[in-house]
Amino acid sequence: MDHETLAAQLSTLLSQMHGRAIVHDAFRELEGDEGPLLRIDAEGYHLIWIERGQESSRQSTADAEGMIYRILADSAFSAGIAFELAHRVEGPDFRRMVHAKQRELFARLAPEWCVRLEAEIAEVLAENPYLDTAPS
């Protein structure tokens, strides 16, 4: 799948997920010297994070759907963080609200992606369980 096809699918799925029109360029070009950049080559799809002009991390897969999922998951996580920040509640672990928002957004997409998201959340919580605190 090329950038143009990937961008069209991402635009459709992100619009469906967020309930508003979103046009996504599939990280074809880097804006400035920081941010995500997607490279497609014979080995597959490479989501590269650039900080201060240098590669800071890379996620690669041979599977276009896997890359689409990763970008959707990152978008849902960012939306979850923004939602939690705007609706912060003292006491419960902030991740409860972040995860709830991620689940809500993914429920608008394919059921198999919801299963994958749940597995990722469970993996995180297995190593780092929720730490709720008593309100002050």
C-alpha atoms as a PDB file:
ATOM      1  CA  MET A   1       0.000   0.000   0.000  1.00  0.00           C
ATOM      2  CA  ASP A   2       1.425   3.406  -0.948  1.00  0.00           C
ATOM      3  CA  HIS A   3       1.216   6.664   1.005  1.00  0.00           C
ATOM      4  CA  GLU A   4      -1.778   7.914  -0.961  1.00  0.00           C
ATOM      5  CA  THR A   5      -3.858   4.794  -0.264  1.00  0.00           C
ATOM      6  CA  LEU A   6      -2.740   4.666   3.355  1.00  0.00           C
ATOM      7  CA  ALA A   7      -3.586   8.355   3.822  1.00  0.00           C
ATOM      8  CA  ALA A   8      -7.068   7.847   2.367  1.00  0.00           C
ATOM      9  CA  GLN A   9      -7.745   4.895   4.709  1.00  0.00           C
ATOM     10  CA  LEU A  10      -6.409   6.790   7.712  1.00  0.00           C
ATOM     11  CA  SER A  11      -8.546   9.822   6.872  1.00  0.00           C
ATOM     12  CA  THR A  12     -11.664   7.652   6.683  1.00  0.00           C
ATOM     13  CA  LEU A  13     -10.926   5.705   9.883  1.00  0.00           C
ATOM     14  CA  LEU A  14      -9.821   8.726  11.922  1.00  0.00           C
ATOM     15  CA  SER A  15     -12.942  10.607  10.837  1.00  0.00           C
ATOM     16  CA  GLN A  16     -15.047   7.625  11.905  1.00  0.00           C
ATOM     17  CA  MET A  17     -13.163   7.323  15.191  1.00  0.00           C
ATOM     18  CA  HIS A  18     -13.353  10.981  16.158  1.00  0.00           C
ATOM     19  CA  GLY A  19     -16.755  11.767  14.675  1.00  0.00           C
ATOM     20  CA  ARG A  20     -15.538  14.650  12.537  1.00  0.00           C
ATOM     21  CA  ALA A  21     -13.812  15.059   9.203  1.00  0.00           C
ATOM     22  CA  ILE A  22     -10.074  14.466   9.430  1.00  0.00           C
ATOM     23  CA  VAL A  23      -7.654  14.561   6.523  1.00  0.00           C
ATOM     24  CA  HIS A  24      -4.445  12.667   7.224  1.00  0.00           C
ATOM     25  CA  ASP A  25      -1.350  12.690   5.027  1.00  0.00           C
ATOM     26  CA  ALA A  26       0.058   9.423   6.486  1.00  0.00           C
ATOM     27  CA  PHE A  27       3.044  11.351   7.851  1.00  0.00           C
ATOM     28  CA  ARG A  28       4.406  11.724   4.331  1.00  0.00           C
ATOM     29  CA  GLU A  29       6.395  14.850   5.172  1.00  0.00           C
ATOM     30  CA  LEU A  30       8.028  16.035   8.377  1.00  0.00           C
ATOM     31  CA  GLU A  31       6.936  19.470   9.511  1.00  0.00           C
ATOM     32  CA  GLY A  32       9.984  21.197  10.959  1.00  0.00           C
ATOM     33  CA  ASP A  33      12.585  19.049  12.685  1.00  0.00           C
ATOM     34  CA  GLU A  34      10.280  17.097  15.048  1.00  0.00           C
ATOM     35  CA  GLY A  35       7.377  14.706  14.763  1.00  0.00           C
ATOM     36  CA  PRO A  36       6.331  11.458  13.101  1.00  0.00           C
ATOM     37  CA  LEU A  37       7.439  10.416   9.637  1.00  0.00           C
ATOM     38  CA  LEU A  38       6.279   7.309   7.782  1.00  0.00           C
ATOM     39  CA  ARG A  39       8.619   5.596   5.370  1.00  0.00           C
ATOM     40  CA  ILE A  40       7.487   2.778   3.098  1.00  0.00           C
ATOM     41  CA  ASP A  41      10.052   0.480   1.491  1.00  0.00           C
ATOM     42  CA  ALA A  42      10.506  -3.149   0.426  1.00  0.00           C
ATOM     43  CA  GLU A  43      10.688  -4.278   4.091  1.00  0.00           C
ATOM     44  CA  GLY A  44       7.404  -2.593   5.018  1.00  0.00           C
ATOM     45  CA  TYR A  45       6.176   0.421   6.933  1.00  0.00           C
ATOM     46  CA  HIS A  46       8.333   2.390   9.337  1.00  0.00           C
ATOM     47  CA  LEU A  47       6.861   4.992  11.691  1.00  0.00           C
ATOM     48  CA  ILE A  48       9.839   7.087  12.734  1.00  0.00           C
ATOM     49  CA  TRP A  49       9.722   9.705  15.494  1.00  0.00           C
ATOM     50  CA  ILE A  50      12.106  12.588  14.960  1.00  0.00           C
ATOM     51  CA  GLU A  51      13.217  14.859  17.790  1.00  0.00           C
ATOM     52  CA  ARG A  52      15.579  17.766  17.222  1.00  0.00           C
ATOM     53  CA  GLY A  53      16.272  16.444  13.740  1.00  0.00           C
ATOM     54  CA  GLN A  54      17.338  12.993  14.981  1.00  0.00           C
ATOM     55  CA  GLU A  55      15.502   9.674  14.962  1.00  0.00           C
ATOM     56  CA  SER A  56      14.354   8.922  18.515  1.00  0.00           C
ATOM     57  CA  SER A  57      12.297   5.790  17.898  1.00  0.00           C
ATOM     58  CA  ARG A  58      11.008   3.548  15.147  1.00  0.00           C
ATOM     59  CA  GLN A  59       8.119   1.112  14.860  1.00  0.00           C
ATOM     60  CA  SER A  60       8.202  -1.162  11.831  1.00  0.00           C
ATOM     61  CA  THR A  61       5.860  -3.736  10.374  1.00  0.00           C
ATOM     62  CA  ALA A  62       5.449  -5.516   7.060  1.00  0.00           C
ATOM     63  CA  ASP A  63       1.676  -5.248   7.474  1.00  0.00           C
ATOM     64  CA  ALA A  64      -0.149  -2.110   6.284  1.00  0.00           C
ATOM     65  CA  GLU A  65      -3.107  -2.841   8.561  1.00  0.00           C
ATOM     66  CA  GLY A  66      -0.718  -3.125  11.504  1.00  0.00           C
ATOM     67  CA  MET A  67       0.661   0.334  10.735  1.00  0.00           C
ATOM     68  CA  ILE A  68      -2.840   1.751  10.363  1.00  0.00           C
ATOM     69  CA  TYR A  69      -3.753   0.252  13.748  1.00  0.00           C
ATOM     70  CA  ARG A  70      -0.638   1.768  15.356  1.00  0.00           C
ATOM     71  CA  ILE A  71      -1.467   5.257  14.051  1.00  0.00           C
ATOM     72  CA  LEU A  72      -5.101   4.919  15.173  1.00  0.00           C
ATOM     73  CA  ALA A  73      -3.975   3.704  18.609  1.00  0.00           C
ATOM     74  CA  ASP A  74      -1.623   6.676  18.965  1.00  0.00           C
ATOM     75  CA  SER A  75      -4.437   9.045  18.004  1.00  0.00           C
ATOM     76  CA  ALA A  76      -6.840   7.438  20.502  1.00  0.00           C
ATOM     77  CA  PHE A  77      -4.197   7.615  23.245  1.00  0.00           C
ATOM     78  CA  SER A  78      -3.566  11.317  22.556  1.00  0.00           C
ATOM     79  CA  ALA A  79      -7.323  11.973  22.610  1.00  0.00           C
ATOM     80  CA  GLY A  80      -7.570  10.041  25.879  1.00  0.00           C
ATOM     81  CA  ILE A  81      -4.814  12.116  27.465  1.00  0.00           C
ATOM     82  CA  ALA A  82      -6.461  15.367  26.323  1.00  0.00           C
ATOM     83  CA  PHE A  83      -9.853  14.209  27.615  1.00  0.00           C
ATOM     84  CA  GLU A  84      -8.432  13.209  31.001  1.00  0.00           C
ATOM     85  CA  LEU A  85      -6.613  16.525  31.341  1.00  0.00           C
ATOM     86  CA  ALA A  86      -9.820  18.441  30.604  1.00  0.00           C
ATOM     87  CA  HIS A  87     -11.887  16.292  33.022  1.00  0.00           C
ATOM     88  CA  ARG A  88      -9.374  15.419  35.733  1.00  0.00           C
ATOM     89  CA  VAL A  89     -10.759  13.740  38.845  1.00  0.00           C
ATOM     90  CA  GLU A  90      -8.706  13.440  42.009  1.00  0.00           C
ATOM     91  CA  GLY A  91      -8.380   9.909  43.339  1.00  0.00           C
ATOM     92  CA  PRO A  92      -8.688   7.433  40.487  1.00  0.00           C
ATOM     93  CA  ASP A  93      -5.564   6.648  38.475  1.00  0.00           C
ATOM     94  CA  PHE A  94      -5.656   9.025  35.492  1.00  0.00           C
ATOM     95  CA  ARG A  95      -5.189   6.065  33.138  1.00  0.00           C
ATOM     96  CA  ARG A  96      -8.694   4.823  33.933  1.00  0.00           C
ATOM     97  CA  MET A  97     -10.147   7.822  32.098  1.00  0.00           C
ATOM     98  CA  VAL A  98      -7.542   7.629  29.309  1.00  0.00           C
ATOM     99  CA  HIS A  99      -8.297   3.942  28.724  1.00  0.00           C
ATOM    100  CA  ALA A 100     -12.050   4.537  28.830  1.00  0.00           C
ATOM    101  CA  LYS A 101     -11.717   7.206  26.125  1.00  0.00           C
ATOM    102  CA  GLN A 102      -9.525   4.913  24.016  1.00  0.00           C
ATOM    103  CA  ARG A 103     -12.141   2.147  24.307  1.00  0.00           C
ATOM    104  CA  GLU A 104     -14.927   4.568  23.373  1.00  0.00           C
ATOM    105  CA  LEU A 105     -13.075   5.707  20.253  1.00  0.00           C
ATOM    106  CA  PHE A 106     -12.074   2.193  19.170  1.00  0.00           C
ATOM    107  CA  ALA A 107     -15.660   0.958  19.644  1.00  0.00           C
ATOM    108  CA  ARG A 108     -16.442   3.004  16.519  1.00  0.00           C
ATOM    109  CA  LEU A 109     -14.042   0.862  14.480  1.00  0.00           C
ATOM    110  CA  ALA A 110     -13.492  -2.814  13.720  1.00  0.00           C
ATOM    111  CA  PRO A 111     -14.148  -5.263  16.587  1.00  0.00           C
ATOM    112  CA  GLU A 112     -10.783  -6.995  16.066  1.00  0.00           C
ATOM    113  CA  TRP A 113      -9.017  -3.705  16.739  1.00  0.00           C
ATOM    114  CA  CYS A 114     -10.952  -3.360  20.003  1.00  0.00           C
ATOM    115  CA  VAL A 115      -9.659  -6.794  21.017  1.00  0.00           C
ATOM    116  CA  ARG A 116      -6.105  -5.746  20.160  1.00  0.00           C
ATOM    117  CA  LEU A 117      -6.464  -2.516  22.152  1.00  0.00           C
ATOM    118  CA  GLU A 118      -7.800  -4.434  25.172  1.00  0.00           C
ATOM    119  CA  ALA A 119      -4.805  -6.786  24.997  1.00  0.00           C
ATOM    120  CA  GLU A 120      -2.395  -3.836  24.926  1.00  0.00           C
ATOM    121  CA  ILE A 121      -4.110  -2.169  27.884  1.00  0.00           C
ATOM    122  CA  ALA A 122      -4.089  -5.464  29.824  1.00  0.00           C
ATOM    123  CA  GLU A 123      -0.369  -5.877  29.136  1.00  0.00           C
ATOM    124  CA  VAL A 124       0.375  -2.399  30.492  1.00  0.00           C
ATOM    125  CA  LEU A 125      -1.780  -2.979  33.579  1.00  0.00           C
ATOM    126  CA  ALA A 126      -0.209  -6.380  34.255  1.00  0.00           C
ATOM    127  CA  GLU A 127       3.149  -4.656  34.715  1.00  0.00           C
ATOM    128  CA  ASN A 128       1.838  -1.378  36.117  1.00  0.00           C
ATOM    129  CA  PRO A 129      -1.586  -1.776  37.792  1.00  0.00           C
ATOM    130  CA  TYR A 130      -3.840   1.188  38.418  1.00  0.00           C
ATOM    131  CA  LEU A 131      -2.774   3.198  41.472  1.00  0.00           C
ATOM    132  CA  ASP A 132      -5.873   4.916  42.774  1.00  0.00           C
ATOM    133  CA  THR A 133      -5.443   7.342  45.658  1.00  0.00           C
ATOM    134  CA  ALA A 134      -7.868   8.628  48.223  1.00  0.00           C
ATOM    135  CA  PRO A 135      -9.067  12.173  47.409  1.00  0.00           C
ATOM    136  CA  SER A 136      -7.552  14.851  49.664  1.00  0.00           C
END
